[in-house]
């Protein structure tokens, strides 16, 4: 009788461990990080930047005329139940008004398009992160590492793309290159439905 009881307890423990491994992942794109402060714009595909959104102090020690401070982030929610665990990953893309700036004599529509495309690129890579999350094999044991690595890798790619964009266009000065990038970014947004 004792052996049978021990086997039943071990089986129950093993069943619980298997149950704990079951995880379904839901990935959402959200239009807020939950802290409305009026200092951020969350990418919705409709709202375009205007010069009044560039509220930071210009850096006169650099050659370029404006800076767009945008980024993406995420938060996690874990819900457990008898059917296993569900992880909800909420991903957002935002623009920081106080960290973005423009030199006063450079507020022209042409440059604003260049800056808008920096924000657009951030959104495009945010969507790549979402695609990668949805395709990843995420478990309760590996979720921190997997999600962290996917986020870090996507951010590195975004940084490289932002650098390439500014490098090839010389911060919008080379008009032919800027037109190429405008088309490339607009085409990528069109594929995403934005």
Protein backbone atom coordinates (compact mmCIF):
# COMPACT_ATOMS: atom_id res chain seq x y z
CA UNK A 1 0.00 0.00 0.00
CA UNK A 2 2.82 2.38 0.81
CA UNK A 3 4.48 1.84 -2.58
CA UNK A 4 1.21 2.52 -4.35
CA UNK A 5 0.72 5.76 -2.40
CA UNK A 6 4.28 6.88 -3.19
CA UNK A 7 3.70 6.12 -6.89
CA UNK A 8 0.45 8.11 -6.84
CA UNK A 9 2.16 11.09 -5.18
CA UNK A 10 5.06 10.92 -7.68
CA UNK A 11 2.62 10.68 -10.57
CA UNK A 12 0.68 13.66 -9.27
CA UNK A 13 3.91 15.68 -8.94
CA UNK A 14 5.00 14.72 -12.45
CA UNK A 15 1.52 15.60 -13.81
CA UNK A 16 1.70 18.99 -12.06
CA UNK A 17 5.15 19.63 -13.51
CA UNK A 18 3.89 18.83 -17.00
CA UNK A 19 0.87 21.07 -16.43
CA UNK A 20 3.17 23.90 -15.29
CA UNK A 21 5.04 23.66 -18.60
CA UNK A 22 1.90 24.22 -20.67
CA UNK A 23 1.82 27.84 -21.70
CA UNK A 24 -0.05 29.68 -24.35
CA UNK A 25 1.25 33.05 -25.46
CA UNK A 26 -0.92 35.95 -26.60
CA UNK A 27 0.90 38.91 -28.14
CA UNK A 28 -0.89 42.25 -28.46
CA UNK A 29 0.13 45.58 -29.93
CA UNK A 30 -1.15 48.28 -27.57
CA UNK A 31 -1.49 52.05 -27.92
CA UNK A 32 -0.33 52.88 -24.39
CA UNK A 33 2.07 51.55 -21.81
CA UNK A 34 -0.48 52.22 -19.09
CA UNK A 35 1.09 55.46 -17.87
CA UNK A 36 -0.50 58.38 -19.72
CA UNK A 37 1.75 61.36 -19.12
CA UNK A 38 1.19 63.58 -22.17
CA UNK A 39 4.91 63.35 -22.90
CA UNK A 40 4.64 60.34 -25.19
CA UNK A 41 2.97 59.58 -28.49
CA UNK A 42 2.08 55.95 -29.09
CA UNK A 43 2.30 54.83 -32.69
CA UNK A 44 -1.14 54.31 -34.19
CA UNK A 45 -0.36 54.69 -37.90
CA UNK A 46 -2.60 57.75 -38.19
CA UNK A 47 -1.02 60.43 -36.03
CA UNK A 48 1.90 62.16 -37.71
CA UNK A 49 4.55 64.09 -35.85
CA UNK A 50 4.38 67.88 -35.91
CA UNK A 51 7.14 70.28 -34.92
CA UNK A 52 5.38 71.04 -31.61
CA UNK A 53 6.11 67.42 -30.63
CA UNK A 54 9.85 68.23 -30.58
CA UNK A 55 10.05 69.76 -27.11
CA UNK A 56 13.60 68.96 -26.06
CA UNK A 57 16.49 71.40 -26.00
CA UNK A 58 18.42 71.34 -29.31
CA UNK A 59 22.00 70.11 -29.24
CA UNK A 60 23.97 72.78 -31.09
CA UNK A 61 27.21 70.79 -30.82
CA UNK A 62 26.07 68.33 -33.54
CA UNK A 63 25.78 68.77 -37.30
CA UNK A 64 22.29 67.34 -37.71
CA UNK A 65 19.18 69.50 -37.33
CA UNK A 66 16.73 67.35 -35.36
CA UNK A 67 16.53 64.25 -33.21
CA UNK A 68 13.63 61.82 -32.88
CA UNK A 69 13.60 59.84 -29.65
CA UNK A 70 11.44 56.77 -30.18
CA UNK A 71 11.48 53.25 -28.93
CA UNK A 72 9.47 50.17 -28.17
CA UNK A 73 8.78 48.22 -25.04
CA UNK A 74 6.61 45.49 -23.61
CA UNK A 75 5.03 44.26 -20.45
CA UNK A 76 4.03 40.75 -19.43
CA UNK A 77 1.00 39.37 -17.66
CA UNK A 78 0.83 35.75 -16.52
CA UNK A 79 -2.54 34.10 -15.91
CA UNK A 80 -2.84 30.59 -14.53
CA UNK A 81 -5.75 28.24 -14.56
CA UNK A 82 -6.68 24.60 -14.59
CA UNK A 83 -6.07 24.45 -18.33
CA UNK A 84 -2.49 25.72 -18.04
CA UNK A 85 -0.89 29.12 -18.08
CA UNK A 86 -1.40 31.99 -20.45
CA UNK A 87 1.18 34.70 -20.91
CA UNK A 88 0.04 37.98 -22.41
CA UNK A 89 2.79 40.10 -23.93
CA UNK A 90 1.71 43.69 -24.59
CA UNK A 91 4.03 45.50 -26.99
CA UNK A 92 4.05 49.23 -27.68
CA UNK A 93 5.97 51.78 -29.76
CA UNK A 94 6.33 55.32 -28.50
CA UNK A 95 7.89 58.71 -29.16
CA UNK A 96 9.24 60.93 -26.39
CA UNK A 97 8.40 64.63 -26.75
CA UNK A 98 10.86 65.94 -24.12
CA UNK A 99 13.75 63.90 -25.56
CA UNK A 100 13.15 64.90 -29.19
CA UNK A 101 14.32 68.25 -30.52
CA UNK A 102 14.76 70.42 -33.59
CA UNK A 103 16.93 73.47 -34.15
CA UNK A 104 14.62 76.51 -34.44
CA UNK A 105 15.70 77.54 -37.94
CA UNK A 106 15.29 74.01 -39.38
CA UNK A 107 11.53 73.46 -38.98
CA UNK A 108 10.74 72.61 -42.60
CA UNK A 109 8.31 69.96 -43.88
CA UNK A 110 11.06 68.04 -45.71
CA UNK A 111 13.00 67.46 -42.47
CA UNK A 112 9.81 66.57 -40.60
CA UNK A 113 9.21 63.70 -43.08
CA UNK A 114 12.74 62.45 -42.35
CA UNK A 115 12.06 62.53 -38.61
CA UNK A 116 8.65 60.87 -39.01
CA UNK A 117 10.40 58.02 -40.81
CA UNK A 118 12.64 57.46 -37.78
CA UNK A 119 9.46 56.88 -35.77
CA UNK A 120 8.08 54.69 -38.59
CA UNK A 121 11.22 52.55 -38.55
CA UNK A 122 10.80 52.04 -34.82
CA UNK A 123 7.25 50.82 -35.44
CA UNK A 124 8.36 48.49 -38.26
CA UNK A 125 10.90 46.83 -35.97
CA UNK A 126 8.34 46.71 -33.18
CA UNK A 127 6.18 44.64 -35.54
CA UNK A 128 9.17 42.39 -36.34
CA UNK A 129 9.55 41.79 -32.59
CA UNK A 130 5.86 40.86 -32.39
CA UNK A 131 6.21 38.42 -35.32
CA UNK A 132 9.21 36.80 -33.66
CA UNK A 133 7.38 36.50 -30.34
CA UNK A 134 4.44 34.79 -32.04
CA UNK A 135 6.77 32.31 -33.75
CA UNK A 136 8.93 31.58 -30.68
CA UNK A 137 8.79 28.41 -28.61
CA UNK A 138 8.10 29.97 -25.21
CA UNK A 139 7.76 27.98 -22.00
CA UNK A 140 7.45 28.93 -18.35
CA UNK A 141 11.10 27.99 -17.91
CA UNK A 142 12.58 29.90 -20.84
CA UNK A 143 10.27 32.89 -21.35
CA UNK A 144 12.55 35.49 -19.73
CA UNK A 145 15.56 34.45 -21.77
CA UNK A 146 13.69 33.95 -25.05
CA UNK A 147 11.76 37.20 -24.87
CA UNK A 148 14.80 39.12 -23.63
CA UNK A 149 16.97 37.81 -26.47
CA UNK A 150 14.32 38.50 -29.11
CA UNK A 151 13.90 42.06 -27.82
CA UNK A 152 17.67 42.72 -27.64
CA UNK A 153 18.29 41.28 -31.11
CA UNK A 154 15.44 43.29 -32.64
CA UNK A 155 16.65 46.49 -30.97
CA UNK A 156 20.17 45.93 -32.33
CA UNK A 157 18.74 45.51 -35.82
CA UNK A 158 16.67 48.67 -35.39
CA UNK A 159 19.72 50.64 -34.21
CA UNK A 160 21.65 49.45 -37.27
CA UNK A 161 18.78 50.40 -39.59
CA UNK A 162 18.40 53.85 -38.00
CA UNK A 163 22.15 54.41 -38.37
CA UNK A 164 22.06 53.25 -41.99
CA UNK A 165 19.11 55.55 -42.70
CA UNK A 166 20.91 58.62 -41.34
CA UNK A 167 24.21 57.59 -42.89
CA UNK A 168 22.88 57.05 -46.40
CA UNK A 169 20.73 60.18 -46.39
CA UNK A 170 23.25 62.24 -44.41
CA UNK A 171 20.39 63.15 -42.05
CA UNK A 172 18.13 63.99 -45.06
CA UNK A 173 20.68 66.16 -46.89
CA UNK A 174 21.10 63.75 -49.84
CA UNK A 175 17.67 64.15 -51.41
CA UNK A 176 17.90 61.23 -53.86
CA UNK A 177 18.76 58.85 -51.03
CA UNK A 178 16.03 60.34 -48.86
CA UNK A 179 13.51 59.64 -51.63
CA UNK A 180 14.72 56.01 -51.81
CA UNK A 181 14.29 55.63 -48.08
CA UNK A 182 10.89 57.35 -48.15
CA UNK A 183 9.69 54.76 -50.67
CA UNK A 184 11.27 51.84 -48.78
CA UNK A 185 9.71 52.84 -45.46
CA UNK A 186 6.33 53.70 -47.00
CA UNK A 187 6.29 50.32 -48.76
CA UNK A 188 7.10 48.48 -45.51
CA UNK A 189 4.33 50.36 -43.70
CA UNK A 190 1.90 49.52 -46.50
CA UNK A 191 2.74 45.82 -46.06
CA UNK A 192 1.92 46.17 -42.38
CA UNK A 193 -1.34 47.90 -43.20
CA UNK A 194 -0.36 51.27 -41.74
